[in-house]
Amino acid sequence: MALVALEIPKVGLVMENARLVRWLKNVGDVVQQGEPLLELETEKSVVEIESTETGQLVEILLRADQEARVGDRIAWLENNAPIANREGKSDRIRSSPVARRFAAQHAVELRQIAGTGPRGRVQLIDVQRTVETRAAMATLAEAPSDLEPLSSMRRALARSVTLSNATVPQFHVERAVDWTALDTLRADLTAQLPAGTPLPSVNDFLLQGIARTLLAFAALNAIFWGDANSPDAGLVPANGTHIGLVVAVPDGLLVPVFHGVEQLGLAELARRRRETIDHALKGRLRREELEGATFSVSNLGKGGPDRFNAVINPPQSAILAVGRRRDCVVARSGSIRVRPMSVLTLTVDHRVADGRLASDFLASLVATLESDAWRLTDAETTS
């Protein structure tokens, strides 16, 4: 029999520590790989963590309400799998050669760094951020007496946007969209949908329109992986379309992810969106509802600005900012019209796409949103 250590996993790119809410298994229980094992409270939500191994839980090291950092050992599992040492992993830390050299030059312990490369590999940028953070902390003066500490969620947001701006070269393209056709369609859907079925919102059409467009623009349906200075850098394509929707919650933002949007009808998407937003507002999103997106959309609604630039949520490749809807005077077929318009601003990771591709993507998305090619499936109109 072999003992395997279970550790606090990293949930999201910027998570550093978490609080154990409760164990879903007891000592002596047999646990299957992939089976829910415990619940963790991160800065963003309470998430279920699955077991990475199959075996018998023989010792619990972390109790409910205790906090731990990413990588901390929390339990022992006994199984029959061969292991390299008592911790169930090799002593060698996965890291790039340039990261190891830079770490040695600055006396940085690689074991203390959560790598962002493939399979947790420590990259040069990971070590550089650690060195910069250490230097900044060393120069901090005593905190002022009137300092207001940040909430856990606000700290997570601060780390996320800092990471995004520091590591992702971003550019923006924008285009106006006319909502006239969509308004007509939504009015028609009111009569088509069965009683009690939620009417798809503009966000549902945006999610489905983005999904359709991503299928034709594979570069934006992928994430950049690795260190740009290393030959092992590349793009990881997504299997299907997985899109995040920015949701405002008390004291911050969450970005729940809708998986396989291209396979969902409008009515089903509307139902899932309502359910997921409810989970987000109650802080009960599951781990899989926060991960896996390549693209996000931020719609601030009628109270938002005319246009704005959104910051990419690493490791995603793009985010669409939707300006507020307003009546505008436009020229159509030689005539002047007043139409409901919004400005769409696309922010793109320049490592995965250039301006031409981003511009073509946005033009295609606008054409889809302005078309009358939308329809409900037979199942949606009869269920």
Protein backbone atom coordinates (compact mmCIF):
# COMPACT_ATOMS: atom_id res chain seq x y z
CA MET A 1 0.00 0.00 0.00
CA ALA A 2 1.18 3.52 -0.70
CA LEU A 3 0.39 6.78 1.05
CA VAL A 4 -0.47 9.77 -1.13
CA ALA A 5 -0.68 13.33 0.18
CA LEU A 6 -3.70 15.42 -0.80
CA GLU A 7 -3.01 19.15 -1.14
CA ILE A 8 -4.95 22.39 -1.48
CA PRO A 9 -5.43 22.82 -5.25
CA LYS A 10 -5.29 26.12 -7.06
CA VAL A 11 -8.78 27.36 -8.03
CA GLY A 12 -8.34 30.14 -10.57
CA LEU A 13 -5.14 31.90 -11.54
CA VAL A 14 -4.74 34.24 -8.55
CA MET A 15 -5.91 32.14 -5.60
CA GLU A 16 -3.34 32.02 -2.77
CA ASN A 17 -5.22 30.60 0.21
CA ALA A 18 -8.62 29.23 1.17
CA ARG A 19 -10.72 28.21 4.16
CA LEU A 20 -11.95 24.65 4.60
CA VAL A 21 -15.73 24.68 4.92
CA ARG A 22 -16.31 20.97 5.47
CA TRP A 23 -15.13 17.50 4.54
CA LEU A 24 -17.54 15.46 2.44
CA LYS A 25 -15.74 12.22 3.44
CA ASN A 26 -14.63 10.81 6.78
CA VAL A 27 -11.50 8.95 7.84
CA GLY A 28 -11.90 5.34 6.74
CA ASP A 29 -14.07 6.16 3.73
CA VAL A 30 -13.06 4.90 0.29
CA VAL A 31 -12.75 7.79 -2.15
CA GLN A 32 -12.89 7.49 -5.93
CA GLN A 33 -10.84 9.71 -8.22
CA GLY A 34 -13.06 12.60 -9.34
CA GLU A 35 -15.46 12.17 -6.41
CA PRO A 36 -16.32 15.31 -4.36
CA LEU A 37 -14.05 15.30 -1.31
CA LEU A 38 -14.37 18.66 0.45
CA GLU A 39 -15.66 22.23 0.16
CA LEU A 40 -13.31 25.22 0.10
CA GLU A 41 -14.15 28.88 0.49
CA THR A 42 -11.93 31.01 -1.76
CA GLU A 43 -11.99 34.77 -2.18
CA LYS A 44 -14.66 34.28 -4.84
CA SER A 45 -16.99 31.47 -3.84
CA VAL A 46 -17.46 28.14 -2.09
CA VAL A 47 -16.32 25.35 -4.42
CA GLU A 48 -16.37 21.59 -4.28
CA ILE A 49 -12.95 19.95 -4.62
CA GLU A 50 -12.69 16.50 -6.15
CA SER A 51 -10.22 13.82 -5.16
CA THR A 52 -7.25 13.43 -7.48
CA GLU A 53 -6.69 9.82 -6.36
CA THR A 54 -8.59 6.65 -5.55
CA GLY A 55 -8.04 5.08 -2.15
CA GLN A 56 -8.95 5.10 1.53
CA LEU A 57 -8.85 8.34 3.53
CA VAL A 58 -6.59 7.50 6.47
CA GLU A 59 -5.79 10.89 8.05
CA ILE A 60 -7.23 14.43 7.91
CA LEU A 61 -4.73 17.22 8.61
CA LEU A 62 -6.95 20.28 8.09
CA ARG A 63 -10.13 20.89 10.03
CA ALA A 64 -13.25 22.90 9.23
CA ASP A 65 -12.81 26.71 9.41
CA GLN A 66 -9.02 26.42 9.20
CA GLU A 67 -7.17 28.35 6.48
CA ALA A 68 -4.38 26.99 4.30
CA ARG A 69 -2.31 28.07 1.32
CA VAL A 70 -2.26 26.54 -2.15
CA GLY A 71 -0.08 23.42 -2.04
CA ASP A 72 -0.48 22.80 1.71
CA ARG A 73 -0.96 19.17 2.68
CA ILE A 74 -4.48 18.52 4.02
CA ALA A 75 -4.89 14.72 4.22
CA TRP A 76 -3.37 11.31 3.57
CA LEU A 77 -4.90 8.77 1.21
CA GLU A 78 -3.82 5.13 1.04
CA ASN A 79 -3.81 3.45 -2.36
CA ASN A 80 -1.98 0.87 -4.44
CA ALA A 81 -0.42 3.26 -6.97
CA PRO A 82 3.40 3.40 -7.17
CA ILE A 83 4.82 6.72 -5.97
CA ALA A 84 8.17 8.44 -6.13
CA ASN A 85 8.32 9.29 -2.39
CA ARG A 86 6.02 9.45 0.69
CA GLU A 87 4.39 12.69 -0.59
CA GLY A 88 3.25 10.92 -3.76
CA LYS A 89 5.23 13.16 -6.13
CA SER A 90 8.73 13.66 -7.43
CA ASP A 91 11.16 15.82 -5.47
CA ARG A 92 11.91 17.73 -8.67
CA ILE A 93 9.84 20.88 -9.21
CA ARG A 94 8.55 21.25 -12.76
CA SER A 95 10.14 24.45 -14.07
CA SER A 96 11.71 25.93 -17.18
CA PRO A 97 15.53 26.25 -17.33
CA VAL A 98 15.39 30.05 -17.49
CA ALA A 99 13.08 30.09 -14.46
CA ARG A 100 15.53 27.94 -12.47
CA ARG A 101 18.47 30.19 -13.36
CA PHE A 102 16.57 33.35 -12.45
CA ALA A 103 15.37 31.80 -9.17
CA ALA A 104 18.93 30.79 -8.22
CA GLN A 105 20.22 34.32 -8.98
CA HIS A 106 17.63 35.87 -6.65
CA ALA A 107 17.60 33.16 -3.94
CA VAL A 108 13.98 32.21 -4.60
CA GLU A 109 12.69 28.79 -3.52
CA LEU A 110 10.78 27.24 -6.43
CA ARG A 111 8.65 25.16 -4.05
CA GLN A 112 7.02 28.37 -2.79
CA ILE A 113 5.82 29.38 -6.28
CA ALA A 114 2.54 28.29 -7.89
CA GLY A 115 3.47 27.76 -11.54
CA THR A 116 1.17 28.95 -14.34
CA GLY A 117 2.71 26.77 -17.05
CA PRO A 118 1.49 23.39 -18.34
CA ARG A 119 0.77 20.98 -15.45
CA GLY A 120 1.83 23.63 -12.93
CA ARG A 121 5.26 24.22 -14.44
CA VAL A 122 7.03 27.25 -12.97
CA GLN A 123 7.78 29.80 -15.70
CA LEU A 124 10.14 32.78 -15.76
CA ILE A 125 7.23 35.20 -15.32
CA ASP A 126 6.18 33.36 -12.13
CA VAL A 127 9.61 33.84 -10.59
CA GLN A 128 9.82 37.46 -11.75
CA ARG A 129 6.50 38.26 -10.07
CA THR A 130 7.71 36.67 -6.85
CA VAL A 131 10.92 38.72 -6.89
CA GLU A 132 9.03 41.94 -7.65
CA THR A 133 6.50 41.30 -4.89
CA ARG A 134 9.25 40.56 -2.38
CA ALA A 135 11.05 43.79 -3.30
CA ALA A 136 7.86 45.82 -3.04
CA MET A 137 7.04 44.38 0.38
CA ALA A 138 10.53 45.18 1.63
CA THR A 139 10.12 48.86 0.77
CA LEU A 140 6.65 49.33 2.24
CA ALA A 141 6.45 51.87 5.05
CA GLU A 142 4.28 51.35 8.11
CA ALA A 143 0.61 51.30 7.10
CA PRO A 144 -1.26 54.55 7.83
CA SER A 145 -3.62 54.46 10.80
CA ASP A 146 -6.66 55.20 8.65
CA LEU A 147 -5.97 52.36 6.21
CA GLU A 148 -9.13 50.45 5.27
CA PRO A 149 -8.24 46.79 4.65
CA LEU A 150 -9.54 45.14 1.47
CA SER A 151 -12.10 42.37 1.58
CA SER A 152 -11.03 38.92 0.37
CA MET A 153 -12.90 39.39 -2.91
CA ARG A 154 -11.45 42.85 -3.49
CA ARG A 155 -7.93 41.50 -2.88
CA ALA A 156 -8.58 38.74 -5.41
CA LEU A 157 -9.78 41.32 -7.94
CA ALA A 158 -6.72 43.48 -7.30
CA ARG A 159 -4.39 40.54 -7.93
CA SER A 160 -6.31 39.49 -11.04
CA VAL A 161 -6.31 42.88 -12.79
CA THR A 162 -2.68 43.52 -11.79
CA LEU A 163 -1.70 40.16 -13.25
CA SER A 164 -3.72 40.89 -16.40
CA ASN A 165 -2.13 44.29 -17.02
CA ALA A 166 1.38 43.10 -16.15
CA THR A 167 1.44 39.91 -18.20
CA VAL A 168 -1.09 40.22 -21.04
CA PRO A 169 -0.43 42.62 -23.97
CA GLN A 170 -3.92 43.93 -24.69
CA PHE A 171 -5.47 45.98 -27.48
CA HIS A 172 -9.02 47.14 -28.26
CA VAL A 173 -11.31 47.33 -31.29
CA GLU A 174 -14.87 48.59 -31.26
CA ARG A 175 -18.00 48.60 -33.38
CA ALA A 176 -21.62 49.72 -32.95
CA VAL A 177 -24.50 47.24 -32.96
CA ASP A 178 -28.13 47.95 -33.88
CA TRP A 179 -30.59 46.11 -31.59
CA THR A 180 -33.66 46.65 -33.81
CA ALA A 181 -33.85 43.11 -35.21
CA LEU A 182 -33.26 41.60 -31.76
CA ASP A 183 -36.04 43.72 -30.23
CA THR A 184 -38.47 42.46 -32.87
CA LEU A 185 -37.38 38.87 -32.32
CA ARG A 186 -37.75 39.07 -28.52
CA ALA A 187 -41.27 40.43 -28.95
CA ASP A 188 -42.13 37.50 -31.24
CA LEU A 189 -40.66 34.98 -28.78
CA THR A 190 -43.11 36.08 -26.09
CA ALA A 191 -45.88 34.33 -28.02
CA GLN A 192 -43.79 31.28 -28.97
CA LEU A 193 -42.43 30.25 -25.59
CA PRO A 194 -44.48 28.01 -23.28
CA ALA A 195 -46.00 29.67 -20.22
CA GLY A 196 -43.48 30.11 -17.42
CA THR A 197 -40.43 29.90 -19.70
CA PRO A 198 -38.05 32.85 -19.14
CA LEU A 199 -37.73 35.19 -22.11
CA PRO A 200 -34.12 35.21 -23.39
CA SER A 201 -32.35 38.44 -22.46
CA VAL A 202 -29.86 40.45 -24.50
CA ASN A 203 -27.11 38.65 -22.58
CA ASP A 204 -28.42 35.28 -23.80
CA PHE A 205 -28.28 36.46 -27.41
CA LEU A 206 -24.79 37.85 -26.78
CA LEU A 207 -23.58 34.56 -25.31
CA GLN A 208 -25.02 32.51 -28.16
CA GLY A 209 -23.84 35.01 -30.79
CA ILE A 210 -20.32 34.95 -29.38
CA ALA A 211 -20.38 31.13 -29.34
CA ARG A 212 -21.38 31.00 -33.02
CA THR A 213 -18.67 33.48 -33.94
CA LEU A 214 -15.94 31.75 -31.90
CA LEU A 215 -16.52 28.57 -33.91
CA ALA A 216 -15.32 30.48 -36.98
CA PHE A 217 -12.41 32.24 -35.22
CA ALA A 218 -10.43 29.48 -33.51
CA ALA A 219 -7.59 31.79 -32.40
CA LEU A 220 -9.92 33.59 -30.00
CA ASN A 221 -11.29 30.30 -28.75
CA ALA A 222 -7.93 29.33 -27.24
CA ILE A 223 -5.61 30.45 -24.46
CA PHE A 224 -1.94 31.40 -24.58
CA TRP A 225 0.10 28.99 -22.52
CA GLY A 226 3.66 29.24 -21.22
CA ASP A 227 6.41 31.83 -21.19
CA ALA A 228 6.55 33.98 -24.34
CA ASN A 229 10.37 33.89 -24.07
CA SER A 230 10.41 30.10 -24.09
CA PRO A 231 10.15 27.77 -27.12
CA ASP A 232 7.48 25.72 -25.33
CA ALA A 233 4.95 28.57 -25.47
CA GLY A 234 1.84 27.97 -27.56
CA LEU A 235 -1.94 28.11 -27.89
CA VAL A 236 -4.30 25.65 -26.23
CA PRO A 237 -7.55 25.36 -28.25
CA ALA A 238 -10.85 24.93 -26.45
CA ASN A 239 -13.10 21.94 -27.02
CA GLY A 240 -16.40 23.73 -27.58
CA THR A 241 -17.26 27.30 -26.57
CA HIS A 242 -17.00 28.21 -22.90
CA ILE A 243 -17.88 31.83 -22.15
CA GLY A 244 -17.73 33.85 -18.93
CA LEU A 245 -20.34 36.45 -17.96
CA VAL A 246 -19.22 39.20 -15.57
CA VAL A 247 -21.66 39.45 -12.64
CA ALA A 248 -21.65 42.25 -10.08
CA VAL A 249 -21.90 40.95 -6.52
CA PRO A 250 -21.56 42.76 -3.19
CA ASP A 251 -18.03 44.18 -2.93
CA GLY A 252 -16.78 42.81 -6.22
CA LEU A 253 -17.25 40.85 -9.41
CA LEU A 254 -17.54 37.18 -10.33
CA VAL A 255 -17.21 35.62 -13.77
CA PRO A 256 -19.25 32.39 -13.89
CA VAL A 257 -18.60 30.28 -16.97
CA PHE A 258 -21.21 28.79 -19.32
CA HIS A 259 -19.84 25.62 -20.91
CA GLY A 260 -20.74 24.32 -24.36
CA VAL A 261 -22.82 27.38 -25.26
CA GLU A 262 -22.90 26.39 -28.93
CA GLN A 263 -24.99 23.34 -27.95
CA LEU A 264 -27.61 25.26 -25.97
CA GLY A 265 -30.89 26.64 -27.29
CA LEU A 266 -31.91 30.15 -26.27
CA ALA A 267 -34.52 29.01 -23.74
CA GLU A 268 -32.12 26.56 -22.06
CA LEU A 269 -29.38 29.21 -22.01
CA ALA A 270 -31.77 31.70 -20.39
CA ARG A 271 -32.67 29.17 -17.71
CA ARG A 272 -29.02 28.35 -16.96
CA ARG A 273 -28.05 32.02 -16.90
CA ARG A 274 -30.70 32.81 -14.28
CA GLU A 275 -29.71 29.80 -12.18
CA THR A 276 -25.99 30.57 -12.40
CA ILE A 277 -26.40 34.26 -11.54
CA ASP A 278 -28.46 33.21 -8.51
CA HIS A 279 -25.60 30.91 -7.42
CA ALA A 280 -23.12 33.77 -7.91
CA LEU A 281 -25.15 36.22 -5.83
CA LYS A 282 -25.43 33.63 -3.05
CA GLY A 283 -21.71 32.77 -3.22
CA ARG A 284 -22.41 29.13 -4.08
CA LEU A 285 -20.73 28.70 -7.45
CA ARG A 286 -19.12 25.32 -8.04
CA ARG A 287 -15.49 25.06 -9.10
CA GLU A 288 -16.39 24.11 -12.67
CA GLU A 289 -18.61 27.20 -12.89
CA LEU A 290 -15.56 29.44 -12.46
CA GLU A 291 -13.05 27.78 -14.79
CA GLY A 292 -12.48 26.85 -18.40
CA ALA A 293 -13.51 29.98 -20.32
CA THR A 294 -11.52 31.45 -23.21
CA PHE A 295 -13.74 34.52 -23.61
CA SER A 296 -15.92 36.73 -21.38
CA VAL A 297 -18.59 39.40 -21.81
CA SER A 298 -19.22 42.38 -19.54
CA ASN A 299 -22.55 44.18 -19.93
CA LEU A 300 -23.11 47.04 -17.47
CA GLY A 301 -26.69 47.54 -18.65
CA LYS A 302 -28.72 50.70 -19.08
CA GLY A 303 -26.96 52.43 -16.19
CA GLY A 304 -23.51 51.87 -17.67
CA PRO A 305 -21.31 54.13 -19.78
CA ASP A 306 -21.66 54.66 -23.53
CA ARG A 307 -18.46 52.65 -24.05
CA PHE A 308 -15.72 51.19 -21.88
CA ASN A 309 -12.66 48.91 -22.05
CA ALA A 310 -12.80 45.71 -20.01
CA VAL A 311 -9.69 43.99 -18.65
CA ILE A 312 -9.02 40.42 -19.79
CA ASN A 313 -9.53 37.77 -17.10
CA PRO A 314 -6.36 35.58 -17.32
CA PRO A 315 -5.84 33.09 -18.83
CA GLN A 316 -8.67 33.98 -21.22
CA SER A 317 -7.88 35.53 -24.59
CA ALA A 318 -10.56 38.19 -24.96
CA ILE A 319 -13.43 40.05 -23.32
CA LEU A 320 -16.32 41.99 -24.86
CA ALA A 321 -17.52 45.20 -23.17
CA VAL A 322 -21.10 46.21 -24.01
CA GLY A 323 -21.88 49.93 -23.74
CA ARG A 324 -25.30 51.15 -22.66
CA ARG A 325 -28.12 51.04 -25.14
CA ARG A 326 -29.29 54.45 -26.40
CA ASP A 327 -31.26 55.88 -29.30
CA CYS A 328 -28.95 57.19 -32.02
CA VAL A 329 -29.49 58.92 -35.35
CA VAL A 330 -28.03 56.73 -38.10
CA ALA A 331 -28.03 56.63 -41.89
CA ARG A 332 -29.72 53.60 -43.46
CA SER A 333 -30.08 53.14 -47.24
CA GLY A 334 -29.83 56.86 -47.86
CA SER A 335 -32.34 57.77 -45.13
CA ILE A 336 -32.03 59.01 -41.56
CA ARG A 337 -33.28 56.69 -38.85
CA VAL A 338 -33.35 56.58 -35.06
CA ARG A 339 -32.16 53.19 -33.89
CA PRO A 340 -31.36 51.54 -30.50
CA MET A 341 -27.57 51.22 -30.55
CA SER A 342 -24.70 50.11 -28.32
CA VAL A 343 -20.93 50.27 -28.74
CA LEU A 344 -19.18 46.91 -28.42
CA THR A 345 -15.51 47.06 -27.41
CA LEU A 346 -13.42 43.92 -27.81
CA THR A 347 -10.24 43.58 -25.75
CA VAL A 348 -7.84 40.95 -27.13
CA ASP A 349 -4.64 39.27 -25.99
CA HIS A 350 -2.20 40.34 -28.71
CA ARG A 351 -0.29 37.08 -28.28
CA VAL A 352 -3.19 35.08 -29.75
CA ALA A 353 -4.56 37.46 -32.41
CA ASP A 354 -3.82 40.67 -34.28
CA GLY A 355 -5.97 43.67 -35.13
CA ARG A 356 -7.26 42.32 -38.42
CA LEU A 357 -8.55 39.08 -36.95
CA ALA A 358 -10.11 40.89 -33.98
CA SER A 359 -11.79 43.37 -36.32
CA ASP A 360 -13.17 40.56 -38.49
CA PHE A 361 -14.43 38.72 -35.40
CA LEU A 362 -16.28 41.78 -34.15
CA ALA A 363 -17.79 42.48 -37.59
CA SER A 364 -19.03 38.89 -37.79
CA LEU A 365 -20.51 39.06 -34.28
CA VAL A 366 -22.35 42.31 -35.05
CA ALA A 367 -23.71 40.82 -38.29
CA THR A 368 -25.05 37.86 -36.29
CA LEU A 369 -26.67 40.06 -33.63
CA GLU A 370 -28.29 42.26 -36.29
CA SER A 371 -29.61 39.32 -38.33
CA ASP A 372 -33.01 37.62 -38.22
CA ALA A 373 -31.47 34.13 -38.37
CA TRP A 374 -32.29 33.36 -34.74
CA ARG A 375 -34.91 30.77 -33.96
CA LEU A 376 -36.03 28.49 -31.18
CA THR A 377 -35.77 24.73 -31.54
CA ASP A 378 -38.99 22.72 -31.81
CA ALA A 379 -38.35 21.34 -28.33
CA GLU A 380 -38.17 24.86 -26.87
CA THR A 381 -41.50 25.91 -28.36
CA THR A 382 -43.37 22.81 -27.22
CA SER A 383 -41.84 21.94 -23.86
